[in-house]
Amino acid sequence: MNRSEIKAKAAHFPKIVEWSEEDGCFVGTCPGLMFGGVHGQDEAKVYAELCQAVEEVIEILETDGHPLPGPLGKKQFSGKFVLRVEPALHRRLALKALASGESLNSYCVKALAKA
């Protein structure tokens, strides 16, 4: 597989670079493809290193005959998922939703969107 084919496949995977207070540096990850990531003080350098790491993982997986995970961007989502919480949290959320004049679902959707 040539470099341009690897780069094209790598483009289908989300790459996230964010500041980590805990680590005191930028951390770059590619969820769904690789565990761990890269880190450093320069955000642009971390992103460049992350892109290179993603390409290397893809090359290794393909060379070893392992299938690549499906890109998240092509996955179809139903818009529904089940969330299990402690009963006390369920009660608090229901009370907050009631107080704001919303359904529990609507209140939780808004809270999740802010997160």
Protein backbone atom coordinates (compact mmCIF):
# COMPACT_ATOMS: atom_id res chain seq x y z
CA MET A 1 0.00 0.00 0.00
CA ASN A 2 1.43 3.38 -0.93
CA ARG A 3 1.60 6.49 1.24
CA SER A 4 -1.31 8.28 -0.48
CA GLU A 5 -3.63 5.29 0.10
CA ILE A 6 -2.67 5.23 3.77
CA LYS A 7 -3.25 8.99 4.09
CA ALA A 8 -6.66 8.63 2.42
CA LYS A 9 -7.69 5.93 4.90
CA ALA A 10 -6.34 7.94 7.84
CA ALA A 11 -8.49 10.91 6.81
CA HIS A 12 -11.61 8.90 7.72
CA PHE A 13 -10.73 8.71 11.42
CA PRO A 14 -11.39 11.54 13.90
CA LYS A 15 -8.30 13.06 15.44
CA ILE A 16 -8.70 15.06 18.64
CA VAL A 17 -6.12 17.37 20.19
CA GLU A 18 -7.05 19.01 23.47
CA TRP A 19 -5.35 20.58 26.45
CA SER A 20 -5.04 18.34 29.50
CA GLU A 21 -4.84 20.15 32.83
CA GLU A 22 -3.88 16.87 34.47
CA ASP A 23 -0.92 16.30 32.13
CA GLY A 24 -0.06 19.97 31.63
CA CYS A 25 0.16 19.55 27.85
CA PHE A 26 -1.80 18.93 24.68
CA VAL A 27 -2.93 15.34 24.19
CA GLY A 28 -3.85 13.92 20.78
CA THR A 29 -6.03 10.84 20.40
CA CYS A 30 -7.80 8.90 17.66
CA PRO A 31 -10.76 7.16 19.33
CA GLY A 32 -11.81 3.90 17.79
CA LEU A 33 -8.50 3.25 16.06
CA MET A 34 -5.79 3.37 18.71
CA PHE A 35 -5.46 3.48 22.46
CA GLY A 36 -3.22 6.11 23.94
CA GLY A 37 -1.99 8.97 21.85
CA VAL A 38 0.65 11.62 21.57
CA HIS A 39 1.36 14.64 23.73
CA GLY A 40 3.40 17.82 23.80
CA GLN A 41 3.43 21.56 24.42
CA ASP A 42 2.78 22.65 20.82
CA GLU A 43 -0.77 21.95 19.61
CA ALA A 44 0.15 21.92 15.90
CA LYS A 45 3.09 19.56 16.46
CA VAL A 46 0.89 17.22 18.51
CA TYR A 47 -1.65 17.15 15.68
CA ALA A 48 1.06 16.41 13.09
CA GLU A 49 2.49 13.61 15.27
CA LEU A 50 -1.02 12.23 15.80
CA CYS A 51 -1.65 12.12 12.05
CA GLN A 52 1.65 10.27 11.57
CA ALA A 53 0.81 7.82 14.38
CA VAL A 54 -2.62 7.11 12.86
CA GLU A 55 -1.01 6.38 9.49
CA GLU A 56 1.49 4.04 11.15
CA VAL A 57 -1.27 2.14 12.98
CA ILE A 58 -3.21 1.74 9.73
CA GLU A 59 -0.13 0.50 7.93
CA ILE A 60 0.63 -2.04 10.68
CA LEU A 61 -2.95 -3.32 10.81
CA GLU A 62 -3.14 -3.70 7.04
CA THR A 63 0.31 -5.34 6.81
CA ASP A 64 -0.67 -7.83 9.52
CA GLY A 65 -3.99 -8.56 7.77
CA HIS A 66 -6.21 -7.07 10.48
CA PRO A 67 -9.35 -5.21 9.36
CA LEU A 68 -9.61 -1.51 10.09
CA PRO A 69 -12.48 -0.42 12.30
CA GLY A 70 -15.27 1.32 10.42
CA PRO A 71 -14.94 5.11 10.41
CA LEU A 72 -17.28 6.80 12.87
CA GLY A 73 -18.35 9.30 10.21
CA LYS A 74 -19.95 6.53 8.16
CA LYS A 75 -21.71 4.84 11.08
CA GLN A 76 -25.48 5.25 11.20
CA PHE A 77 -26.86 6.32 14.59
CA SER A 78 -30.47 5.77 15.65
CA GLY A 79 -30.55 8.75 18.01
CA LYS A 80 -31.46 6.48 20.92
CA PHE A 81 -29.34 5.00 23.67
CA VAL A 82 -30.00 3.64 27.14
CA LEU A 83 -28.28 5.35 30.02
CA ARG A 84 -28.19 3.71 33.44
CA VAL A 85 -27.83 6.04 36.41
CA GLU A 86 -28.22 5.77 40.16
CA PRO A 87 -31.85 6.13 41.29
CA ALA A 88 -30.96 9.26 43.30
CA LEU A 89 -29.55 10.94 40.18
CA HIS A 90 -32.61 9.87 38.19
CA ARG A 91 -34.82 11.53 40.82
CA ARG A 92 -32.75 14.76 40.82
CA LEU A 93 -32.85 14.98 37.04
CA ALA A 94 -36.61 14.37 36.99
CA LEU A 95 -37.13 17.12 39.58
CA LYS A 96 -34.93 19.58 37.67
CA ALA A 97 -36.75 18.79 34.44
CA LEU A 98 -40.12 19.29 36.14
CA ALA A 99 -38.96 22.58 37.67
CA SER A 100 -37.84 23.84 34.27
CA GLY A 101 -41.11 22.76 32.63
CA GLU A 102 -39.44 20.19 30.37
CA SER A 103 -39.66 16.48 29.87
CA LEU A 104 -36.85 14.45 31.40
CA ASN A 105 -35.68 13.53 27.90
CA SER A 106 -35.54 17.17 26.75
CA TYR A 107 -33.77 18.27 29.92
CA CYS A 108 -31.15 15.52 29.58
CA VAL A 109 -30.59 16.21 25.86
CA LYS A 110 -29.86 19.86 26.68
CA ALA A 111 -27.53 18.88 29.53
CA LEU A 112 -25.65 16.41 27.32
CA ALA A 113 -25.35 18.97 24.52
CA LYS A 114 -23.63 21.37 26.93
CA ALA A 115 -21.14 18.72 28.09
